[in-house]
PDB file of all heavy atoms in Angstrom:
ATOM      1  N   PHE A   1       0.835  -1.255   0.070  1.00  0.00           N
ATOM      2  CA  PHE A   1       0.016   0.062  -0.006  1.00  0.00           C
ATOM      3  C   PHE A   1       0.837   1.288   0.009  1.00  0.00           C
ATOM      4  O   PHE A   1       0.581   2.160  -0.750  1.00  0.00           O
ATOM      5  CB  PHE A   1      -1.000  -0.065   1.292  1.00  0.00           C
ATOM      6  CG  PHE A   1      -1.744   1.281   1.363  1.00  0.00           C
ATOM      7  CD1 PHE A   1      -2.599   1.704   0.487  1.00  0.00           C
ATOM      8  CD2 PHE A   1      -1.647   1.905   2.557  1.00  0.00           C
ATOM      9  CE1 PHE A   1      -3.475   2.774   0.625  1.00  0.00           C
ATOM     10  CE2 PHE A   1      -2.467   3.083   2.809  1.00  0.00           C
ATOM     11  CZ  PHE A   1      -3.215   3.514   1.723  1.00  0.00           C
ATOM     12  N   LEU A   2       1.936   1.308   0.911  1.00  0.00           N
ATOM     13  CA  LEU A   2       2.847   2.411   0.823  1.00  0.00           C
ATOM     14  C   LEU A   2       3.540   2.595  -0.498  1.00  0.00           C
ATOM     15  O   LEU A   2       3.798   3.705  -0.789  1.00  0.00           O
ATOM     16  CB  LEU A   2       3.881   2.293   2.034  1.00  0.00           C
ATOM     17  CG  LEU A   2       3.150   2.051   3.443  1.00  0.00           C
ATOM     18  CD1 LEU A   2       4.368   1.921   4.416  1.00  0.00           C
ATOM     19  CD2 LEU A   2       2.342   3.194   3.910  1.00  0.00           C
ATOM     20  N   TYR A   3       3.830   1.400  -1.103  1.00  0.00           N
ATOM     21  CA  TYR A   3       4.700   1.500  -2.274  1.00  0.00           C
ATOM     22  C   TYR A   3       3.853   2.049  -3.478  1.00  0.00           C
ATOM     23  O   TYR A   3       4.307   2.702  -4.422  1.00  0.00           O
ATOM     24  CB  TYR A   3       5.275   0.169  -2.677  1.00  0.00           C
ATOM     25  CG  TYR A   3       6.495   0.297  -3.483  1.00  0.00           C
ATOM     26  CD1 TYR A   3       7.563   1.003  -3.184  1.00  0.00           C
ATOM     27  CD2 TYR A   3       6.529  -0.422  -4.661  1.00  0.00           C
ATOM     28  CE1 TYR A   3       8.627   1.227  -3.836  1.00  0.00           C
ATOM     29  CE2 TYR A   3       7.640  -0.243  -5.558  1.00  0.00           C
ATOM     30  CZ  TYR A   3       8.779   0.534  -5.159  1.00  0.00           C
ATOM     31  OH  TYR A   3       9.842   0.497  -5.949  1.00  0.00           O
ATOM     32  N   ILE A   4       2.517   1.941  -3.373  1.00  0.00           N
ATOM     33  CA  ILE A   4       1.637   2.625  -4.346  1.00  0.00           C
ATOM     34  C   ILE A   4       1.868   4.135  -4.278  1.00  0.00           C
ATOM     35  O   ILE A   4       1.836   4.848  -5.239  1.00  0.00           O
ATOM     36  CB  ILE A   4       0.109   2.203  -4.149  1.00  0.00           C
ATOM     37  CG1 ILE A   4      -0.084   0.739  -4.495  1.00  0.00           C
ATOM     38  CG2 ILE A   4      -0.757   3.163  -5.042  1.00  0.00           C
ATOM     39  CD1 ILE A   4      -1.548   0.332  -4.176  1.00  0.00           C
ATOM     40  N   GLY A   5       1.935   4.602  -2.980  1.00  0.00           N
ATOM     41  CA  GLY A   5       2.254   6.016  -2.799  1.00  0.00           C
ATOM     42  C   GLY A   5       3.535   6.537  -3.223  1.00  0.00           C
ATOM     43  O   GLY A   5       3.715   7.799  -3.526  1.00  0.00           O
ATOM     44  N   THR A   6       4.565   5.733  -3.183  1.00  0.00           N
ATOM     45  CA  THR A   6       5.932   6.187  -3.498  1.00  0.00           C
ATOM     46  C   THR A   6       6.170   5.835  -5.017  1.00  0.00           C
ATOM     47  O   THR A   6       6.271   6.745  -5.814  1.00  0.00           O
ATOM     48  CB  THR A   6       7.040   5.568  -2.627  1.00  0.00           C
ATOM     49  OG1 THR A   6       6.845   4.057  -2.606  1.00  0.00           O
ATOM     50  CG2 THR A   6       6.732   6.175  -1.302  1.00  0.00           C
ATOM     51  N   PHE A   7       6.488   4.506  -5.241  1.00  0.00           N
ATOM     52  CA  PHE A   7       6.810   4.151  -6.687  1.00  0.00           C
ATOM     53  C   PHE A   7       5.644   4.362  -7.662  1.00  0.00           C
ATOM     54  O   PHE A   7       5.663   4.860  -8.686  1.00  0.00           O
ATOM     55  CB  PHE A   7       7.250   2.736  -6.863  1.00  0.00           C
ATOM     56  CG  PHE A   7       7.536   2.346  -8.091  1.00  0.00           C
ATOM     57  CD1 PHE A   7       8.639   2.794  -8.844  1.00  0.00           C
ATOM     58  CD2 PHE A   7       6.633   1.526  -8.963  1.00  0.00           C
ATOM     59  CE1 PHE A   7       8.988   2.386 -10.183  1.00  0.00           C
ATOM     60  CE2 PHE A   7       6.955   1.089 -10.228  1.00  0.00           C
ATOM     61  CZ  PHE A   7       8.076   1.541 -10.841  1.00  0.00           C
ATOM     62  N   GLY A   8       4.365   4.157  -7.055  1.00  0.00           N
ATOM     63  CA  GLY A   8       3.210   4.344  -8.004  1.00  0.00           C
ATOM     64  C   GLY A   8       2.992   5.832  -8.259  1.00  0.00           C
ATOM     65  O   GLY A   8       2.719   6.187  -9.396  1.00  0.00           O
ATOM     66  N   SER A   9       3.425   6.752  -7.265  1.00  0.00           N
ATOM     67  CA  SER A   9       3.374   8.243  -7.713  1.00  0.00           C
ATOM     68  C   SER A   9       4.420   8.496  -8.605  1.00  0.00           C
ATOM     69  O   SER A   9       4.145   9.356  -9.636  1.00  0.00           O
ATOM     70  CB  SER A   9       3.622   8.890  -6.388  1.00  0.00           C
ATOM     71  OG  SER A   9       2.500   8.873  -5.487  1.00  0.00           O
ATOM     72  N   PHE A  10       5.660   7.999  -8.545  1.00  0.00           N
ATOM     73  CA  PHE A  10       6.616   8.282  -9.517  1.00  0.00           C
ATOM     74  C   PHE A  10       6.246   7.818 -10.975  1.00  0.00           C
ATOM     75  O   PHE A  10       6.266   8.630 -11.862  1.00  0.00           O
ATOM     76  CB  PHE A  10       8.005   7.513  -9.138  1.00  0.00           C
ATOM     77  CG  PHE A  10       8.957   7.507 -10.244  1.00  0.00           C
ATOM     78  CD1 PHE A  10       9.718   8.507 -10.571  1.00  0.00           C
ATOM     79  CD2 PHE A  10       9.244   6.304 -11.089  1.00  0.00           C
ATOM     80  CE1 PHE A  10      10.711   8.652 -11.522  1.00  0.00           C
ATOM     81  CE2 PHE A  10      10.121   6.371 -12.005  1.00  0.00           C
ATOM     82  CZ  PHE A  10      10.909   7.547 -12.348  1.00  0.00           C
ATOM     83  N   ILE A  11       5.701   6.647 -11.078  1.00  0.00           N
ATOM     84  CA  ILE A  11       5.503   6.171 -12.472  1.00  0.00           C
ATOM     85  C   ILE A  11       4.218   6.813 -13.005  1.00  0.00           C
ATOM     86  O   ILE A  11       4.006   7.168 -14.120  1.00  0.00           O
ATOM     87  CB  ILE A  11       5.346   4.650 -12.490  1.00  0.00           C
ATOM     88  CG1 ILE A  11       5.622   4.179 -14.029  1.00  0.00           C
ATOM     89  CG2 ILE A  11       4.045   4.147 -11.937  1.00  0.00           C
ATOM     90  CD1 ILE A  11       6.969   4.470 -14.567  1.00  0.00           C
ATOM     91  N   GLY A  12       3.281   7.169 -12.082  1.00  0.00           N
ATOM     92  CA  GLY A  12       1.993   7.742 -12.537  1.00  0.00           C
ATOM     93  C   GLY A  12       2.171   9.189 -12.858  1.00  0.00           C
ATOM     94  O   GLY A  12       1.655   9.584 -13.884  1.00  0.00           O
ATOM     95  N   TYR A  13       2.900   9.971 -12.027  1.00  0.00           N
ATOM     96  CA  TYR A  13       3.203  11.267 -12.399  1.00  0.00           C
ATOM     97  C   TYR A  13       3.983  11.504 -13.685  1.00  0.00           C
ATOM     98  O   TYR A  13       3.924  12.392 -14.477  1.00  0.00           O
ATOM     99  CB  TYR A  13       3.676  12.036 -11.171  1.00  0.00           C
ATOM    100  CG  TYR A  13       2.907  12.335 -10.065  1.00  0.00           C
ATOM    101  CD1 TYR A  13       3.230  12.060  -8.700  1.00  0.00           C
ATOM    102  CD2 TYR A  13       1.560  12.881 -10.267  1.00  0.00           C
ATOM    103  CE1 TYR A  13       2.479  12.260  -7.673  1.00  0.00           C
ATOM    104  CE2 TYR A  13       0.636  13.065  -9.147  1.00  0.00           C
ATOM    105  CZ  TYR A  13       1.133  12.785  -7.825  1.00  0.00           C
ATOM    106  OH  TYR A  13       0.287  12.989  -6.795  1.00  0.00           O
ATOM    107  N   ALA A  14       4.962  10.570 -13.779  1.00  0.00           N
ATOM    108  CA  ALA A  14       5.904  10.597 -14.854  1.00  0.00           C
ATOM    109  C   ALA A  14       5.116  10.331 -16.136  1.00  0.00           C
ATOM    110  O   ALA A  14       5.389  11.047 -17.182  1.00  0.00           O
ATOM    111  CB  ALA A  14       7.029   9.427 -14.732  1.00  0.00           C
ATOM    112  N   GLY A  15       4.098   9.390 -16.080  1.00  0.00           N
ATOM    113  CA  GLY A  15       3.364   9.196 -17.283  1.00  0.00           C
ATOM    114  C   GLY A  15       2.374  10.279 -17.639  1.00  0.00           C
ATOM    115  O   GLY A  15       2.192  10.675 -18.863  1.00  0.00           O
ATOM    116  N   ALA A  16       1.790  10.979 -16.530  1.00  0.00           N
ATOM    117  CA  ALA A  16       0.842  11.975 -16.832  1.00  0.00           C
ATOM    118  C   ALA A  16       1.409  13.355 -16.982  1.00  0.00           C
ATOM    119  O   ALA A  16       0.731  14.231 -17.671  1.00  0.00           O
ATOM    120  CB  ALA A  16      -0.053  12.125 -15.628  1.00  0.00           C
ATOM    121  N   PHE A  17       2.650  13.645 -16.523  1.00  0.00           N
ATOM    122  CA  PHE A  17       3.158  15.001 -16.679  1.00  0.00           C
ATOM    123  C   PHE A  17       3.220  15.677 -17.993  1.00  0.00           C
ATOM    124  O   PHE A  17       2.799  16.774 -18.126  1.00  0.00           O
ATOM    125  CB  PHE A  17       4.526  14.964 -15.970  1.00  0.00           C
ATOM    126  CG  PHE A  17       5.059  16.377 -15.648  1.00  0.00           C
ATOM    127  CD1 PHE A  17       4.278  17.335 -15.156  1.00  0.00           C
ATOM    128  CD2 PHE A  17       6.364  16.659 -15.744  1.00  0.00           C
ATOM    129  CE1 PHE A  17       4.741  18.624 -14.753  1.00  0.00           C
ATOM    130  CE2 PHE A  17       6.904  17.935 -15.521  1.00  0.00           C
ATOM    131  CZ  PHE A  17       6.100  18.936 -14.898  1.00  0.00           C
ATOM    132  N   PRO A  18       3.719  14.975 -19.077  1.00  0.00           N
ATOM    133  CA  PRO A  18       3.717  15.600 -20.353  1.00  0.00           C
ATOM    134  C   PRO A  18       2.222  16.048 -20.815  1.00  0.00           C
ATOM    135  O   PRO A  18       2.195  17.091 -21.357  1.00  0.00           O
ATOM    136  CB  PRO A  18       4.272  14.523 -21.260  1.00  0.00           C
ATOM    137  CG  PRO A  18       5.180  13.694 -20.382  1.00  0.00           C
ATOM    138  CD  PRO A  18       4.398  13.617 -19.165  1.00  0.00           C
ATOM    139  N   THR A  19       1.369  15.197 -20.551  1.00  0.00           N
ATOM    140  CA  THR A  19       0.055  15.572 -20.971  1.00  0.00           C
ATOM    141  C   THR A  19      -0.605  16.661 -20.120  1.00  0.00           C
ATOM    142  O   THR A  19      -1.324  17.483 -20.655  1.00  0.00           O
ATOM    143  CB  THR A  19      -1.012  14.404 -20.996  1.00  0.00           C
ATOM    144  OG1 THR A  19      -0.517  13.316 -21.838  1.00  0.00           O
ATOM    145  CG2 THR A  19      -2.430  14.634 -21.314  1.00  0.00           C
ATOM    146  N   LEU A  20      -0.307  16.695 -18.850  1.00  0.00           N
ATOM    147  CA  LEU A  20      -0.728  17.759 -17.973  1.00  0.00           C
ATOM    148  C   LEU A  20      -0.236  19.177 -18.540  1.00  0.00           C
ATOM    149  O   LEU A  20      -0.828  20.121 -18.538  1.00  0.00           O
ATOM    150  CB  LEU A  20      -0.326  17.509 -16.527  1.00  0.00           C
ATOM    151  CG  LEU A  20      -0.957  16.366 -15.775  1.00  0.00           C
ATOM    152  CD1 LEU A  20      -0.374  16.148 -14.492  1.00  0.00           C
ATOM    153  CD2 LEU A  20      -2.455  16.473 -15.757  1.00  0.00           C
ATOM    154  N   LEU A  21       1.080  19.040 -18.870  1.00  0.00           N
ATOM    155  CA  LEU A  21       1.770  20.372 -19.250  1.00  0.00           C
ATOM    156  C   LEU A  21       1.037  20.828 -20.649  1.00  0.00           C
ATOM    157  O   LEU A  21       0.708  22.059 -20.803  1.00  0.00           O
ATOM    158  CB  LEU A  21       3.174  20.110 -19.488  1.00  0.00           C
ATOM    159  CG  LEU A  21       4.079  20.021 -18.327  1.00  0.00           C
ATOM    160  CD1 LEU A  21       5.540  19.822 -18.688  1.00  0.00           C
ATOM    161  CD2 LEU A  21       3.947  21.179 -17.410  1.00  0.00           C
ATOM    162  N   LYS A  22       0.784  19.850 -21.464  1.00  0.00           N
ATOM    163  CA  LYS A  22       0.288  20.077 -22.811  1.00  0.00           C
ATOM    164  C   LYS A  22      -1.260  20.736 -22.737  1.00  0.00           C
ATOM    165  O   LYS A  22      -1.537  21.594 -23.451  1.00  0.00           O
ATOM    166  CB  LYS A  22       0.271  18.934 -23.809  1.00  0.00           C
ATOM    167  CG  LYS A  22      -0.088  19.145 -25.180  1.00  0.00           C
ATOM    168  CD  LYS A  22       0.757  19.888 -25.950  1.00  0.00           C
ATOM    169  CE  LYS A  22       0.522  19.900 -27.473  1.00  0.00           C
ATOM    170  NZ  LYS A  22       1.467  20.705 -28.208  1.00  0.00           N
ATOM    171  N   THR A  23      -1.993  20.103 -21.866  1.00  0.00           N
ATOM    172  CA  THR A  23      -3.402  20.518 -21.692  1.00  0.00           C
ATOM    173  C   THR A  23      -3.718  21.580 -20.806  1.00  0.00           C
ATOM    174  O   THR A  23      -4.614  22.487 -21.034  1.00  0.00           O
ATOM    175  CB  THR A  23      -4.210  19.300 -21.230  1.00  0.00           C
ATOM    176  OG1 THR A  23      -3.732  18.804 -20.121  1.00  0.00           O
ATOM    177  CG2 THR A  23      -4.161  18.145 -22.339  1.00  0.00           C
ATOM    178  N   GLN A  24      -2.805  21.794 -19.720  1.00  0.00           N
ATOM    179  CA  GLN A  24      -3.202  22.823 -18.715  1.00  0.00           C
ATOM    180  C   GLN A  24      -2.381  24.112 -18.987  1.00  0.00           C
ATOM    181  O   GLN A  24      -2.817  25.173 -18.706  1.00  0.00           O
ATOM    182  CB  GLN A  24      -2.789  22.346 -17.341  1.00  0.00           C
ATOM    183  CG  GLN A  24      -3.509  21.141 -16.850  1.00  0.00           C
ATOM    184  CD  GLN A  24      -4.960  21.235 -16.992  1.00  0.00           C
ATOM    185  OE1 GLN A  24      -5.498  22.234 -16.460  1.00  0.00           O
ATOM    186  NE2 GLN A  24      -5.758  20.411 -17.733  1.00  0.00           N
ATOM    187  N   PHE A  25      -1.212  24.000 -19.741  1.00  0.00           N
ATOM    188  CA  PHE A  25      -0.441  25.172 -20.192  1.00  0.00           C
ATOM    189  C   PHE A  25       0.112  24.996 -21.553  1.00  0.00           C
ATOM    190  O   PHE A  25       1.215  24.601 -21.761  1.00  0.00           O
ATOM    191  CB  PHE A  25       0.778  25.259 -19.137  1.00  0.00           C
ATOM    192  CG  PHE A  25       0.414  25.456 -17.771  1.00  0.00           C
ATOM    193  CD1 PHE A  25       0.304  24.455 -16.742  1.00  0.00           C
ATOM    194  CD2 PHE A  25       0.168  26.809 -17.150  1.00  0.00           C
ATOM    195  CE1 PHE A  25      -0.079  24.508 -15.517  1.00  0.00           C
ATOM    196  CE2 PHE A  25      -0.092  26.918 -15.840  1.00  0.00           C
ATOM    197  CZ  PHE A  25      -0.373  25.809 -15.059  1.00  0.00           C
ATOM    198  N   PRO A  26      -0.768  25.134 -22.473  1.00  0.00           N
ATOM    199  CA  PRO A  26      -0.448  24.871 -23.857  1.00  0.00           C
ATOM    200  C   PRO A  26       0.737  25.597 -24.449  1.00  0.00           C
ATOM    201  O   PRO A  26       1.357  25.037 -25.335  1.00  0.00           O
ATOM    202  CB  PRO A  26      -1.706  25.327 -24.666  1.00  0.00           C
ATOM    203  CG  PRO A  26      -2.910  25.196 -23.593  1.00  0.00           C
ATOM    204  CD  PRO A  26      -2.263  25.580 -22.366  1.00  0.00           C
ATOM    205  N   GLY A  27       1.094  26.855 -23.884  1.00  0.00           N
ATOM    206  CA  GLY A  27       2.296  27.476 -24.486  1.00  0.00           C
ATOM    207  C   GLY A  27       3.633  27.100 -23.781  1.00  0.00           C
ATOM    208  O   GLY A  27       4.603  27.534 -24.058  1.00  0.00           O
ATOM    209  N   ALA A  28       3.475  26.112 -22.750  1.00  0.00           N
ATOM    210  CA  ALA A  28       4.656  25.764 -22.034  1.00  0.00           C
ATOM    211  C   ALA A  28       5.613  24.847 -22.823  1.00  0.00           C
ATOM    212  O   ALA A  28       4.978  24.106 -23.601  1.00  0.00           O
ATOM    213  CB  ALA A  28       4.379  25.160 -20.649  1.00  0.00           C
ATOM    214  N   PRO A  29       6.835  24.867 -22.642  1.00  0.00           N
ATOM    215  CA  PRO A  29       7.739  23.899 -23.385  1.00  0.00           C
ATOM    216  C   PRO A  29       7.583  22.524 -22.807  1.00  0.00           C
ATOM    217  O   PRO A  29       8.014  22.266 -21.717  1.00  0.00           O
ATOM    218  CB  PRO A  29       9.117  24.571 -23.133  1.00  0.00           C
ATOM    219  CG  PRO A  29       9.081  25.230 -21.738  1.00  0.00           C
ATOM    220  CD  PRO A  29       7.582  25.850 -21.824  1.00  0.00           C
ATOM    221  N   MET A  30       7.014  21.577 -23.684  1.00  0.00           N
ATOM    222  CA  MET A  30       6.775  20.242 -23.183  1.00  0.00           C
ATOM    223  C   MET A  30       8.096  19.463 -22.988  1.00  0.00           C
ATOM    224  O   MET A  30       8.152  18.432 -22.367  1.00  0.00           O
ATOM    225  CB  MET A  30       5.772  19.561 -24.157  1.00  0.00           C
ATOM    226  CG  MET A  30       5.153  18.345 -23.503  1.00  0.00           C
ATOM    227  SD  MET A  30       4.188  17.485 -24.767  1.00  0.00           S
ATOM    228  CE  MET A  30       5.402  16.543 -25.533  1.00  0.00           C
ATOM    229  N   GLN A  31       9.173  20.033 -23.692  1.00  0.00           N
ATOM    230  CA  GLN A  31      10.474  19.451 -23.537  1.00  0.00           C
ATOM    231  C   GLN A  31      11.064  19.351 -22.168  1.00  0.00           C
ATOM    232  O   GLN A  31      11.899  18.537 -21.851  1.00  0.00           O
ATOM    233  CB  GLN A  31      11.627  20.162 -24.409  1.00  0.00           C
ATOM    234  CG  GLN A  31      11.185  20.172 -25.910  1.00  0.00           C
ATOM    235  CD  GLN A  31      10.349  21.419 -26.284  1.00  0.00           C
ATOM    236  OE1 GLN A  31       9.549  21.980 -25.446  1.00  0.00           O
ATOM    237  NE2 GLN A  31      10.192  21.722 -27.562  1.00  0.00           N
TER     238      GLN A  31
END
Protein backbone atom coordinates (compact mmCIF):
# COMPACT_ATOMS: atom_id res chain seq x y z
CA PHE A 1 0.00 0.00 0.00
CA LEU A 2 2.80 2.40 0.90
CA TYR A 3 4.64 1.56 -2.31
CA ILE A 4 1.62 2.61 -4.35
CA GLY A 5 2.19 6.04 -2.80
CA THR A 6 5.92 6.13 -3.56
CA PHE A 7 6.80 4.17 -6.69
CA GLY A 8 3.21 4.39 -7.93
CA SER A 9 3.38 8.16 -7.63
CA PHE A 10 6.69 8.23 -9.51
CA ILE A 11 5.47 6.19 -12.47
CA GLY A 12 1.98 7.75 -12.41
CA TYR A 13 3.13 11.36 -12.37
CA ALA A 14 5.89 10.57 -14.89
CA GLY A 15 3.30 9.20 -17.30
CA ALA A 16 0.81 12.02 -16.82
CA PHE A 17 3.18 15.00 -16.61
CA PRO A 18 3.71 15.62 -20.36
CA THR A 19 -0.05 15.54 -21.00
CA LEU A 20 -0.73 17.77 -18.00
CA LEU A 21 1.72 20.35 -19.32
CA LYS A 22 0.26 20.17 -22.81
CA THR A 23 -3.39 20.50 -21.73
CA GLN A 24 -3.12 22.86 -18.75
CA PHE A 25 -0.39 25.15 -20.08
CA PRO A 26 -0.48 24.86 -23.89
CA GLY A 27 2.25 27.46 -24.40
CA ALA A 28 4.68 25.81 -21.99
CA PRO A 29 7.72 23.95 -23.36
CA MET A 30 6.79 20.27 -23.17
CA GLN A 31 10.48 19.42 -23.58
